[in-house]
């Protein structure tokens, strides 16, 4: 079983957009994300990390990466922590809307791995690999969404066996309808 997990995403390519704002937190998310991708068989050269100033800038870069046709999925990582002004509400709303819109427009899985917390302690807890591990969860969601999209589009890949992707689904015993 461990070998299956270690190879299940071999050959897939991922873009990661990570905000520099709250860098200690986003760095923890990024580490957990890349560790999970590596554990699932993704080669380091199949991952491109792009850093942006803050969470607000994530959707534009995520959409641009998705449109580049170089990635099977894009993972968005950031941390927005509530302060004393309504800034938190505006940023969270626009980031979530923008990421969702970008995914719908491009039909590429774009994963929302942006923490939206009330306190720094909550953000630290969710970014800690030994606790909630939201960076790793974002990587796992990205892998799963690539599998889902390939299955429904007819581009079936035998992830568990490590065989190369099928372009039509026929190699996996499926016929086009």
Foldseek 3Di string as FASTA:
>chain_A
DQVLQQQLCAPFAEEEEFACVVVVLRVLLQVLQVVSCNSNHYDPVRYHYDYDHALLPQLVVLLVVLVVPSHQEYEYEHEQEDDDDCPLVVSVVNSVVSQVVSCVVSVHHYFDLYHRYHDPVVSNQCSHPVHNSSSSVRNVVNSVVSQVSCVVVQFHDPSSVNDDIDPHVVVVVDDDD
